Amino acid sequence: MNHRRKGRKLNRNASHRLALFRNLSRSLITHETIKTTTPKAKELRPFIEKLITMAKKAALITEQADGTADEGEKKRLQTRALHLRRQAMAWLGPTHGTGIYDKKNEPAEDRTTNTVLKKLFNVLGPRFKDRPGGYTRVLKLHERRLGDAGEQAIIEFLKAGEVKVKQKGAPAPAPQAPALA
C-alpha cells in the first residue's frame, strides 16, 4: 500500500529537491513562465502557490493597515506583513543576486534593488489578492525533450483578472436502449 506518501522524489534527496524548487520558483517569479518537465512542474505548483498565498496575505494586511487610523493597530499589522515576508524569504533561500529580468534576458531597471522577493510581494501578491487560489497553470507540451525524451510542460502564472476555463457542463445522457417486447 502507498498510504500517506505524497509527492514525487524526482530522484533527488531532500536538500537537492528543496534547492531545485527554490531555483525553479525564482525563475518562475522572474519570467512568469518557464518550461520544464511535467513531474517537476506538477510538484512546483504547491510550492509556488504557498509563496503566492503569503504575498497575497501580506498585500491584504498592508491594505488593511493603510486603512486604519490607530497607530498601535497599524504597527501590529505591519509586523504581521513583515513576518510573512520573512517566511517567504526563508522558503526562497538566499535571494542575493537574484535580479529581475525582462523578456530579452536583460536586467530590469536597477538589478541591485529589484529582487525576486520584491517582485513576489509588490507585483504578484497584489495581482492575486482577490483570487481564492489556483495562481498557476501547467500546460503539457506535445514535443519530448531531446536526449531522454522526457515529457515537457510549461508552468505559468495566470494574468490579472484571468479565470481558468471550466467545463461546459454535464455531458448529455446516454440514449436508452429500446425495450424488447
N, C-alpha and C. Protein backbone atom coordinates (compact mmCIF):
# COMPACT_ATOMS: atom_id res chain seq x y z
N MET A 1 0.83 -1.18 0.00
CA MET A 1 0.00 0.00 0.00
C MET A 1 0.88 1.24 0.00
N ASN A 2 0.34 2.30 -0.52
CA ASN A 2 1.12 3.52 -0.68
C ASN A 2 0.44 4.68 0.04
N HIS A 3 -0.04 4.43 1.27
CA HIS A 3 -0.76 5.47 2.01
C HIS A 3 0.21 6.49 2.58
N ARG A 4 -0.23 7.73 2.65
CA ARG A 4 0.49 8.83 3.28
C ARG A 4 1.87 9.06 2.70
N ARG A 5 2.03 8.83 1.42
CA ARG A 5 3.29 9.08 0.75
C ARG A 5 3.03 10.00 -0.43
N LYS A 6 2.87 11.27 -0.13
CA LYS A 6 2.55 12.20 -1.19
C LYS A 6 3.83 12.81 -1.75
N GLY A 7 3.75 13.29 -2.95
CA GLY A 7 4.87 13.99 -3.56
C GLY A 7 5.79 13.05 -4.31
N ARG A 8 6.46 13.61 -5.28
CA ARG A 8 7.44 12.85 -6.06
C ARG A 8 8.83 13.17 -5.53
N LYS A 9 9.70 12.20 -5.52
CA LYS A 9 11.06 12.43 -5.06
C LYS A 9 11.96 12.96 -6.16
N LEU A 10 11.59 12.75 -7.41
CA LEU A 10 12.32 13.26 -8.57
C LEU A 10 13.78 12.81 -8.59
N ASN A 11 14.06 11.63 -8.04
CA ASN A 11 15.42 11.05 -7.98
C ASN A 11 16.42 11.99 -7.31
N ARG A 12 15.98 12.67 -6.27
CA ARG A 12 16.85 13.60 -5.54
C ARG A 12 16.63 13.41 -4.04
N ASN A 13 17.65 13.75 -3.26
CA ASN A 13 17.45 13.73 -1.82
C ASN A 13 16.74 15.02 -1.41
N ALA A 14 16.42 15.15 -0.14
CA ALA A 14 15.57 16.26 0.32
C ALA A 14 16.22 17.62 0.08
N SER A 15 17.50 17.77 0.36
CA SER A 15 18.14 19.07 0.19
C SER A 15 18.27 19.44 -1.28
N HIS A 16 18.52 18.45 -2.13
CA HIS A 16 18.61 18.73 -3.57
C HIS A 16 17.23 19.08 -4.14
N ARG A 17 16.20 18.43 -3.64
CA ARG A 17 14.83 18.72 -4.08
C ARG A 17 14.44 20.15 -3.68
N LEU A 18 14.78 20.54 -2.45
CA LEU A 18 14.48 21.90 -1.99
C LEU A 18 15.22 22.93 -2.84
N ALA A 19 16.49 22.65 -3.14
CA ALA A 19 17.26 23.57 -3.99
C ALA A 19 16.64 23.65 -5.38
N LEU A 20 16.16 22.54 -5.91
CA LEU A 20 15.51 22.53 -7.22
C LEU A 20 14.25 23.39 -7.20
N PHE A 21 13.41 23.24 -6.18
CA PHE A 21 12.16 24.01 -6.11
C PHE A 21 12.46 25.50 -5.89
N ARG A 22 13.48 25.82 -5.11
CA ARG A 22 13.85 27.22 -4.94
C ARG A 22 14.30 27.83 -6.26
N ASN A 23 15.12 27.08 -6.99
CA ASN A 23 15.63 27.58 -8.27
C ASN A 23 14.49 27.75 -9.28
N LEU A 24 13.62 26.74 -9.37
CA LEU A 24 12.50 26.83 -10.31
C LEU A 24 11.54 27.95 -9.92
N SER A 25 11.29 28.12 -8.63
CA SER A 25 10.36 29.16 -8.22
C SER A 25 10.94 30.55 -8.45
N ARG A 26 12.25 30.73 -8.24
CA ARG A 26 12.87 32.02 -8.56
C ARG A 26 12.76 32.32 -10.04
N SER A 27 12.98 31.31 -10.88
CA SER A 27 12.86 31.51 -12.33
C SER A 27 11.43 31.82 -12.72
N LEU A 28 10.48 31.15 -12.08
CA LEU A 28 9.07 31.38 -12.40
C LEU A 28 8.64 32.79 -11.97
N ILE A 29 9.09 33.24 -10.83
CA ILE A 29 8.75 34.59 -10.38
C ILE A 29 9.39 35.62 -11.31
N THR A 30 10.61 35.37 -11.74
CA THR A 30 11.31 36.31 -12.61
C THR A 30 10.65 36.40 -13.97
N HIS A 31 10.43 35.26 -14.62
CA HIS A 31 9.96 35.24 -16.01
C HIS A 31 8.45 35.05 -16.14
N GLU A 32 7.79 34.61 -15.08
CA GLU A 32 6.34 34.35 -15.01
C GLU A 32 5.90 33.19 -15.88
N THR A 33 6.79 32.56 -16.60
CA THR A 33 6.50 31.32 -17.33
C THR A 33 7.82 30.60 -17.57
N ILE A 34 7.85 29.29 -17.29
CA ILE A 34 9.06 28.51 -17.53
C ILE A 34 8.68 27.19 -18.16
N LYS A 35 9.64 26.59 -18.83
CA LYS A 35 9.45 25.30 -19.49
C LYS A 35 10.31 24.28 -18.75
N THR A 36 9.70 23.21 -18.28
CA THR A 36 10.40 22.19 -17.53
C THR A 36 9.71 20.84 -17.78
N THR A 37 10.12 19.81 -17.06
CA THR A 37 9.46 18.51 -17.23
C THR A 37 8.12 18.53 -16.51
N THR A 38 7.22 17.68 -16.93
CA THR A 38 5.88 17.64 -16.35
C THR A 38 5.89 17.29 -14.86
N PRO A 39 6.64 16.26 -14.40
CA PRO A 39 6.63 15.99 -12.96
C PRO A 39 7.18 17.14 -12.12
N LYS A 40 8.22 17.82 -12.62
CA LYS A 40 8.76 18.97 -11.87
C LYS A 40 7.73 20.09 -11.81
N ALA A 41 7.03 20.33 -12.90
CA ALA A 41 6.03 21.40 -12.91
C ALA A 41 4.89 21.09 -11.95
N LYS A 42 4.46 19.83 -11.92
CA LYS A 42 3.36 19.45 -11.03
C LYS A 42 3.77 19.52 -9.56
N GLU A 43 5.03 19.25 -9.26
CA GLU A 43 5.50 19.34 -7.88
C GLU A 43 5.83 20.77 -7.49
N LEU A 44 6.17 21.61 -8.46
CA LEU A 44 6.47 23.01 -8.17
C LEU A 44 5.22 23.78 -7.82
N ARG A 45 4.09 23.38 -8.37
CA ARG A 45 2.84 24.12 -8.19
C ARG A 45 2.49 24.38 -6.72
N PRO A 46 2.44 23.37 -5.83
CA PRO A 46 2.10 23.68 -4.43
C PRO A 46 3.16 24.56 -3.75
N PHE A 47 4.42 24.38 -4.10
CA PHE A 47 5.50 25.16 -3.50
C PHE A 47 5.32 26.64 -3.83
N ILE A 48 5.10 26.95 -5.09
CA ILE A 48 4.99 28.35 -5.51
C ILE A 48 3.66 28.95 -5.07
N GLU A 49 2.61 28.15 -5.03
CA GLU A 49 1.30 28.69 -4.64
C GLU A 49 1.28 29.07 -3.16
N LYS A 50 2.05 28.36 -2.33
CA LYS A 50 2.14 28.75 -0.92
C LYS A 50 2.88 30.08 -0.79
N LEU A 51 3.90 30.29 -1.62
CA LEU A 51 4.61 31.57 -1.62
C LEU A 51 3.69 32.71 -2.06
N ILE A 52 2.89 32.46 -3.09
CA ILE A 52 1.96 33.49 -3.58
C ILE A 52 0.91 33.79 -2.51
N THR A 53 0.47 32.76 -1.79
CA THR A 53 -0.51 32.97 -0.73
C THR A 53 0.07 33.85 0.37
N MET A 54 1.35 33.65 0.71
CA MET A 54 1.99 34.52 1.70
C MET A 54 2.02 35.96 1.21
N ALA A 55 2.37 36.15 -0.07
CA ALA A 55 2.44 37.50 -0.64
C ALA A 55 1.05 38.13 -0.70
N LYS A 56 0.06 37.32 -1.01
CA LYS A 56 -1.32 37.82 -1.08
C LYS A 56 -1.80 38.26 0.31
N LYS A 57 -1.53 37.44 1.33
CA LYS A 57 -1.92 37.81 2.69
C LYS A 57 -1.22 39.08 3.14
N ALA A 58 0.06 39.22 2.78
CA ALA A 58 0.79 40.44 3.14
C ALA A 58 0.20 41.65 2.44
N ALA A 59 -0.24 41.50 1.18
CA ALA A 59 -0.85 42.62 0.47
C ALA A 59 -2.18 43.01 1.12
N LEU A 60 -2.96 42.03 1.54
CA LEU A 60 -4.23 42.32 2.20
C LEU A 60 -4.01 42.99 3.56
N ILE A 61 -3.00 42.51 4.30
CA ILE A 61 -2.70 43.09 5.61
C ILE A 61 -2.19 44.52 5.45
N THR A 62 -1.35 44.76 4.45
CA THR A 62 -0.83 46.11 4.21
C THR A 62 -1.96 47.05 3.83
N GLU A 63 -2.88 46.57 3.01
CA GLU A 63 -4.04 47.38 2.62
C GLU A 63 -4.89 47.71 3.84
N GLN A 64 -5.06 46.73 4.72
CA GLN A 64 -5.84 46.94 5.94
C GLN A 64 -5.12 47.92 6.87
N ALA A 65 -3.77 47.84 6.93
CA ALA A 65 -3.00 48.74 7.79
C ALA A 65 -3.09 50.18 7.27
N ASP A 66 -3.13 50.34 5.96
CA ASP A 66 -3.24 51.69 5.40
C ASP A 66 -4.59 52.32 5.70
N GLY A 67 -5.61 51.49 5.88
CA GLY A 67 -6.96 52.00 6.13
C GLY A 67 -7.25 52.30 7.59
N THR A 68 -6.41 51.84 8.49
CA THR A 68 -6.68 52.06 9.91
C THR A 68 -6.02 53.35 10.38
N ALA A 69 -6.63 53.98 11.39
CA ALA A 69 -6.11 55.24 11.92
C ALA A 69 -5.33 55.01 13.22
N ASP A 70 -5.59 53.89 13.90
CA ASP A 70 -4.93 53.60 15.17
C ASP A 70 -3.47 53.20 14.92
N GLU A 71 -2.53 53.90 15.56
CA GLU A 71 -1.11 53.66 15.33
C GLU A 71 -0.67 52.29 15.87
N GLY A 72 -1.22 51.88 17.01
CA GLY A 72 -0.86 50.57 17.57
C GLY A 72 -1.30 49.43 16.66
N GLU A 73 -2.52 49.54 16.15
CA GLU A 73 -3.04 48.51 15.24
C GLU A 73 -2.24 48.51 13.93
N LYS A 74 -1.88 49.68 13.45
CA LYS A 74 -1.11 49.79 12.22
C LYS A 74 0.25 49.11 12.38
N LYS A 75 0.90 49.34 13.51
CA LYS A 75 2.21 48.74 13.78
C LYS A 75 2.10 47.22 13.86
N ARG A 76 1.02 46.73 14.51
CA ARG A 76 0.82 45.28 14.64
C ARG A 76 0.61 44.64 13.27
N LEU A 77 -0.17 45.29 12.41
CA LEU A 77 -0.42 44.75 11.07
C LEU A 77 0.84 44.78 10.21
N GLN A 78 1.64 45.82 10.33
CA GLN A 78 2.88 45.88 9.58
C GLN A 78 3.86 44.80 10.03
N THR A 79 3.83 44.47 11.32
CA THR A 79 4.68 43.40 11.84
C THR A 79 4.24 42.06 11.28
N ARG A 80 2.93 41.85 11.15
CA ARG A 80 2.44 40.60 10.55
C ARG A 80 2.85 40.48 9.09
N ALA A 81 2.79 41.58 8.36
CA ALA A 81 3.20 41.57 6.96
C ALA A 81 4.70 41.31 6.84
N LEU A 82 5.49 41.88 7.74
CA LEU A 82 6.92 41.64 7.74
C LEU A 82 7.23 40.18 8.04
N HIS A 83 6.46 39.59 8.96
CA HIS A 83 6.64 38.18 9.29
C HIS A 83 6.40 37.29 8.06
N LEU A 84 5.35 37.59 7.30
CA LEU A 84 5.08 36.83 6.08
C LEU A 84 6.21 36.99 5.06
N ARG A 85 6.75 38.19 4.96
CA ARG A 85 7.86 38.43 4.03
C ARG A 85 9.09 37.62 4.45
N ARG A 86 9.34 37.56 5.74
CA ARG A 86 10.50 36.79 6.22
C ARG A 86 10.29 35.29 6.06
N GLN A 87 9.06 34.83 6.21
CA GLN A 87 8.78 33.42 5.96
C GLN A 87 9.04 33.07 4.49
N ALA A 88 8.58 33.92 3.59
CA ALA A 88 8.81 33.70 2.16
C ALA A 88 10.30 33.73 1.84
N MET A 89 11.04 34.61 2.51
CA MET A 89 12.47 34.69 2.30
C MET A 89 13.14 33.38 2.74
N ALA A 90 12.65 32.79 3.81
CA ALA A 90 13.20 31.51 4.28
C ALA A 90 12.88 30.40 3.28
N TRP A 91 11.69 30.43 2.68
CA TRP A 91 11.32 29.42 1.69
C TRP A 91 12.16 29.55 0.43
N LEU A 92 12.38 30.79 -0.01
CA LEU A 92 13.12 31.02 -1.26
C LEU A 92 14.62 30.86 -1.08
N GLY A 93 15.11 30.93 0.14
CA GLY A 93 16.54 30.82 0.35
C GLY A 93 17.22 32.15 0.06
N PRO A 94 18.54 32.14 0.00
CA PRO A 94 19.27 33.38 -0.24
C PRO A 94 18.90 33.98 -1.59
N THR A 95 18.42 35.22 -1.58
CA THR A 95 17.99 35.85 -2.83
C THR A 95 18.97 36.91 -3.29
N HIS A 96 20.16 36.95 -2.70
CA HIS A 96 21.16 37.93 -3.12
C HIS A 96 21.60 37.62 -4.55
N GLY A 97 21.54 38.60 -5.40
CA GLY A 97 21.96 38.41 -6.79
C GLY A 97 20.89 37.82 -7.68
N THR A 98 19.67 37.65 -7.16
CA THR A 98 18.60 37.11 -7.99
C THR A 98 17.79 38.28 -8.52
N GLY A 99 18.30 38.89 -9.55
CA GLY A 99 17.65 40.06 -10.12
C GLY A 99 16.45 39.70 -10.97
N ILE A 100 15.72 40.71 -11.37
CA ILE A 100 14.56 40.54 -12.24
C ILE A 100 14.99 40.87 -13.66
N TYR A 101 14.61 40.02 -14.60
CA TYR A 101 14.99 40.20 -15.99
C TYR A 101 13.74 40.37 -16.84
N ASP A 102 13.87 41.09 -17.94
CA ASP A 102 12.74 41.28 -18.85
C ASP A 102 12.74 40.14 -19.87
N LYS A 103 11.89 40.26 -20.88
CA LYS A 103 11.73 39.20 -21.86
C LYS A 103 12.98 38.97 -22.71
N LYS A 104 13.86 39.98 -22.80
CA LYS A 104 15.07 39.85 -23.60
C LYS A 104 16.26 39.41 -22.75
N ASN A 105 16.01 38.94 -21.53
CA ASN A 105 17.03 38.50 -20.58
C ASN A 105 18.01 39.61 -20.22
N GLU A 106 17.53 40.83 -20.19
CA GLU A 106 18.33 41.96 -19.73
C GLU A 106 17.80 42.39 -18.37
N PRO A 107 18.69 42.81 -17.47
CA PRO A 107 18.22 43.22 -16.14
C PRO A 107 17.20 44.35 -16.23
N ALA A 108 16.10 44.18 -15.52
CA ALA A 108 15.05 45.20 -15.49
C ALA A 108 15.44 46.28 -14.52
N GLU A 109 15.59 47.49 -15.00
CA GLU A 109 15.96 48.67 -14.22
C GLU A 109 17.22 48.40 -13.41
N ASP A 110 17.19 48.69 -12.12
CA ASP A 110 18.38 48.53 -11.29
C ASP A 110 18.38 47.13 -10.69
N ARG A 111 19.36 46.32 -11.05
CA ARG A 111 19.40 44.93 -10.63
C ARG A 111 19.64 44.79 -9.13
N THR A 112 20.28 45.74 -8.51
CA THR A 112 20.60 45.61 -7.09
C THR A 112 19.37 45.81 -6.21
N THR A 113 18.41 46.61 -6.65
CA THR A 113 17.25 46.87 -5.79
C THR A 113 16.06 45.99 -6.16
N ASN A 114 15.96 45.53 -7.40
CA ASN A 114 14.84 44.68 -7.79
C ASN A 114 15.24 43.22 -7.60
N THR A 115 14.60 42.56 -6.66
CA THR A 115 14.89 41.15 -6.42
C THR A 115 13.61 40.35 -6.60
N VAL A 116 13.78 39.05 -6.57
CA VAL A 116 12.66 38.14 -6.71
C VAL A 116 11.66 38.34 -5.57
N LEU A 117 12.17 38.56 -4.37
CA LEU A 117 11.29 38.74 -3.21
C LEU A 117 10.45 40.01 -3.35
N LYS A 118 11.06 41.08 -3.86
CA LYS A 118 10.31 42.32 -4.05
C LYS A 118 9.24 42.15 -5.12
N LYS A 119 9.56 41.43 -6.19
CA LYS A 119 8.56 41.21 -7.23
C LYS A 119 7.42 40.36 -6.69
N LEU A 120 7.76 39.36 -5.88
CA LEU A 120 6.73 38.49 -5.29
C LEU A 120 5.75 39.30 -4.46
N PHE A 121 6.26 40.21 -3.62
CA PHE A 121 5.39 40.94 -2.70
C PHE A 121 4.82 42.23 -3.28
N ASN A 122 5.48 42.83 -4.25
CA ASN A 122 5.00 44.10 -4.80
C ASN A 122 4.17 43.94 -6.07
N VAL A 123 4.37 42.86 -6.81
CA VAL A 123 3.66 42.67 -8.08
C VAL A 123 2.69 41.50 -8.01
N LEU A 124 3.21 40.32 -7.65
CA LEU A 124 2.37 39.12 -7.72
C LEU A 124 1.36 39.03 -6.59
N GLY A 125 1.73 39.42 -5.38
CA GLY A 125 0.79 39.40 -4.25
C GLY A 125 -0.43 40.26 -4.50
N PRO A 126 -0.23 41.56 -4.86
CA PRO A 126 -1.41 42.39 -5.15
C PRO A 126 -2.20 41.92 -6.38
N ARG A 127 -1.53 41.27 -7.33
CA ARG A 127 -2.25 40.79 -8.52
C ARG A 127 -3.28 39.73 -8.15
N PHE A 128 -2.94 38.87 -7.19
CA PHE A 128 -3.81 37.75 -6.84
C PHE A 128 -4.58 37.94 -5.54
N LYS A 129 -4.66 39.18 -5.01
CA LYS A 129 -5.27 39.35 -3.69
C LYS A 129 -6.77 39.08 -3.68
N ASP A 130 -7.45 39.13 -4.82
CA ASP A 130 -8.88 38.83 -4.87
C ASP A 130 -9.15 37.39 -5.29
N ARG A 131 -8.11 36.62 -5.57
CA ARG A 131 -8.27 35.26 -6.07
C ARG A 131 -8.16 34.27 -4.91
N PRO A 132 -9.06 33.29 -4.80
CA PRO A 132 -9.03 32.36 -3.67
C PRO A 132 -7.97 31.26 -3.78
N GLY A 133 -7.29 31.14 -4.88
CA GLY A 133 -6.26 30.11 -5.05
C GLY A 133 -6.12 29.78 -6.53
N GLY A 134 -5.24 28.85 -6.85
CA GLY A 134 -5.05 28.46 -8.23
C GLY A 134 -4.39 29.57 -9.04
N TYR A 135 -3.18 29.93 -8.66
CA TYR A 135 -2.50 31.05 -9.29
C TYR A 135 -1.68 30.63 -10.51
N THR A 136 -1.46 29.32 -10.67
CA THR A 136 -0.61 28.84 -11.75
C THR A 136 -1.39 27.90 -12.66
N ARG A 137 -0.82 27.68 -13.82
CA ARG A 137 -1.39 26.74 -14.78
C ARG A 137 -0.25 25.91 -15.34
N VAL A 138 -0.47 24.61 -15.50
CA VAL A 138 0.51 23.71 -16.11
C VAL A 138 -0.05 23.26 -17.45
N LEU A 139 0.68 23.56 -18.51
CA LEU A 139 0.28 23.17 -19.87
C LEU A 139 1.26 22.11 -20.37
N LYS A 140 0.76 20.94 -20.69
CA LYS A 140 1.64 19.89 -21.20
C LYS A 140 1.98 20.17 -22.65
N LEU A 141 3.23 19.97 -23.00
CA LEU A 141 3.68 20.17 -24.37
C LEU A 141 3.71 18.85 -25.11
N HIS A 142 3.52 18.92 -26.42
CA HIS A 142 3.48 17.72 -27.22
C HIS A 142 4.88 17.16 -27.45
N GLU A 143 5.85 18.03 -27.70
CA GLU A 143 7.19 17.53 -28.03
C GLU A 143 7.89 17.03 -26.78
N ARG A 144 8.73 16.03 -26.96
CA ARG A 144 9.50 15.47 -25.87
C ARG A 144 10.87 16.15 -25.81
N ARG A 145 11.51 16.05 -24.67
CA ARG A 145 12.83 16.65 -24.50
C ARG A 145 13.86 15.85 -25.27
N LEU A 146 14.76 16.55 -25.91
CA LEU A 146 15.81 15.89 -26.67
C LEU A 146 16.80 15.26 -25.70
N GLY A 147 17.18 14.04 -25.96
CA GLY A 147 18.14 13.36 -25.09
C GLY A 147 17.50 12.23 -24.33
N ASP A 148 16.58 12.54 -23.40
CA ASP A 148 15.95 11.48 -22.62
C ASP A 148 14.47 11.33 -22.92
N ALA A 149 13.95 12.12 -23.85
CA ALA A 149 12.55 12.05 -24.27
C ALA A 149 11.59 12.26 -23.09
N GLY A 150 11.98 13.12 -22.16
CA GLY A 150 11.11 13.43 -21.02
C GLY A 150 9.94 14.31 -21.44
N GLU A 151 8.79 14.08 -20.81
CA GLU A 151 7.62 14.91 -21.10
C GLU A 151 7.87 16.32 -20.62
N GLN A 152 7.52 17.30 -21.43
CA GLN A 152 7.75 18.69 -21.07
C GLN A 152 6.43 19.40 -20.82
N ALA A 153 6.51 20.45 -20.01
CA ALA A 153 5.33 21.25 -19.69
C ALA A 153 5.77 22.69 -19.48
N ILE A 154 4.81 23.58 -19.61
CA ILE A 154 5.01 24.98 -19.30
C ILE A 154 4.20 25.27 -18.05
N ILE A 155 4.84 25.87 -17.06
CA ILE A 155 4.12 26.33 -15.87
C ILE A 155 4.18 27.85 -15.90
N GLU A 156 3.02 28.48 -15.69
CA GLU A 156 2.94 29.93 -15.79
C GLU A 156 1.93 30.46 -14.80
N PHE A 157 2.09 31.75 -14.47
CA PHE A 157 1.12 32.43 -13.63
C PHE A 157 -0.05 32.87 -14.48
N LEU A 158 -1.23 32.91 -13.87
CA LEU A 158 -2.38 33.47 -14.57
C LEU A 158 -2.22 34.98 -14.65
N LYS A 159 -2.80 35.59 -15.65
CA LYS A 159 -2.73 37.04 -15.80
C LYS A 159 -3.72 37.69 -14.83
N ALA A 160 -3.61 38.98 -14.66
CA ALA A 160 -4.51 39.71 -13.75
C ALA A 160 -5.94 39.64 -14.28
N GLY A 161 -6.87 39.22 -13.44
CA GLY A 161 -8.27 39.14 -13.83
C GLY A 161 -8.63 37.92 -14.66
N GLU A 162 -7.67 37.05 -14.94
CA GLU A 162 -7.94 35.88 -15.77
C GLU A 162 -8.58 34.79 -14.93
N VAL A 163 -9.50 34.06 -15.52
CA VAL A 163 -10.14 32.93 -14.84
C VAL A 163 -9.81 31.67 -15.60
N LYS A 164 -9.75 30.57 -14.87
CA LYS A 164 -9.48 29.29 -15.52
C LYS A 164 -10.71 28.85 -16.28
N VAL A 165 -10.49 28.15 -17.38
CA VAL A 165 -11.59 27.67 -18.21
C VAL A 165 -12.23 26.48 -17.52
N LYS A 166 -13.55 26.53 -17.40
CA LYS A 166 -14.27 25.45 -16.74
C LYS A 166 -14.96 24.58 -17.78
N GLN A 167 -15.38 23.41 -17.35
CA GLN A 167 -16.11 22.51 -18.24
C GLN A 167 -17.42 23.16 -18.64
N LYS A 168 -17.90 22.84 -19.82
CA LYS A 168 -19.12 23.46 -20.34
C LYS A 168 -20.37 23.00 -19.60
N GLY A 169 -20.33 21.85 -19.01
CA GLY A 169 -21.49 21.35 -18.28
C GLY A 169 -21.47 19.84 -18.28
N ALA A 170 -22.54 19.28 -17.76
CA ALA A 170 -22.63 17.83 -17.71
C ALA A 170 -22.85 17.29 -19.11
N PRO A 171 -22.22 16.15 -19.44
CA PRO A 171 -22.43 15.58 -20.77
C PRO A 171 -23.87 15.10 -20.93
N ALA A 172 -24.30 15.01 -22.16
CA ALA A 172 -25.66 14.56 -22.44
C ALA A 172 -25.82 13.11 -21.99
N PRO A 173 -27.00 12.76 -21.48
CA PRO A 173 -27.20 11.38 -21.03
C PRO A 173 -27.15 10.42 -22.22
N ALA A 174 -26.73 9.21 -21.93
CA ALA A 174 -26.63 8.17 -22.97
C ALA A 174 -28.03 7.79 -23.42
N PRO A 175 -28.19 7.49 -24.71
CA PRO A 175 -29.53 7.09 -25.19
C PRO A 175 -29.95 5.77 -24.54
N GLN A 176 -31.26 5.68 -24.29
CA GLN A 176 -31.82 4.49 -23.67
C GLN A 176 -31.94 3.36 -24.72
N ALA A 177 -31.69 2.16 -24.29
CA ALA A 177 -31.85 1.01 -25.20
C ALA A 177 -33.35 0.76 -25.41
N PRO A 178 -33.73 0.41 -26.64
CA PRO A 178 -35.16 0.15 -26.89
C PRO A 178 -35.65 -1.08 -26.09
N ALA A 179 -36.85 -0.97 -25.61
CA ALA A 179 -37.43 -2.05 -24.80
C ALA A 179 -37.80 -3.20 -25.71
N LEU A 180 -37.50 -4.40 -25.27
CA LEU A 180 -37.85 -5.60 -26.03
C LEU A 180 -39.28 -6.02 -25.69
N ALA A 181 -40.04 -6.40 -26.70
CA ALA A 181 -41.43 -6.75 -26.47
C ALA A 181 -41.63 -8.21 -26.23
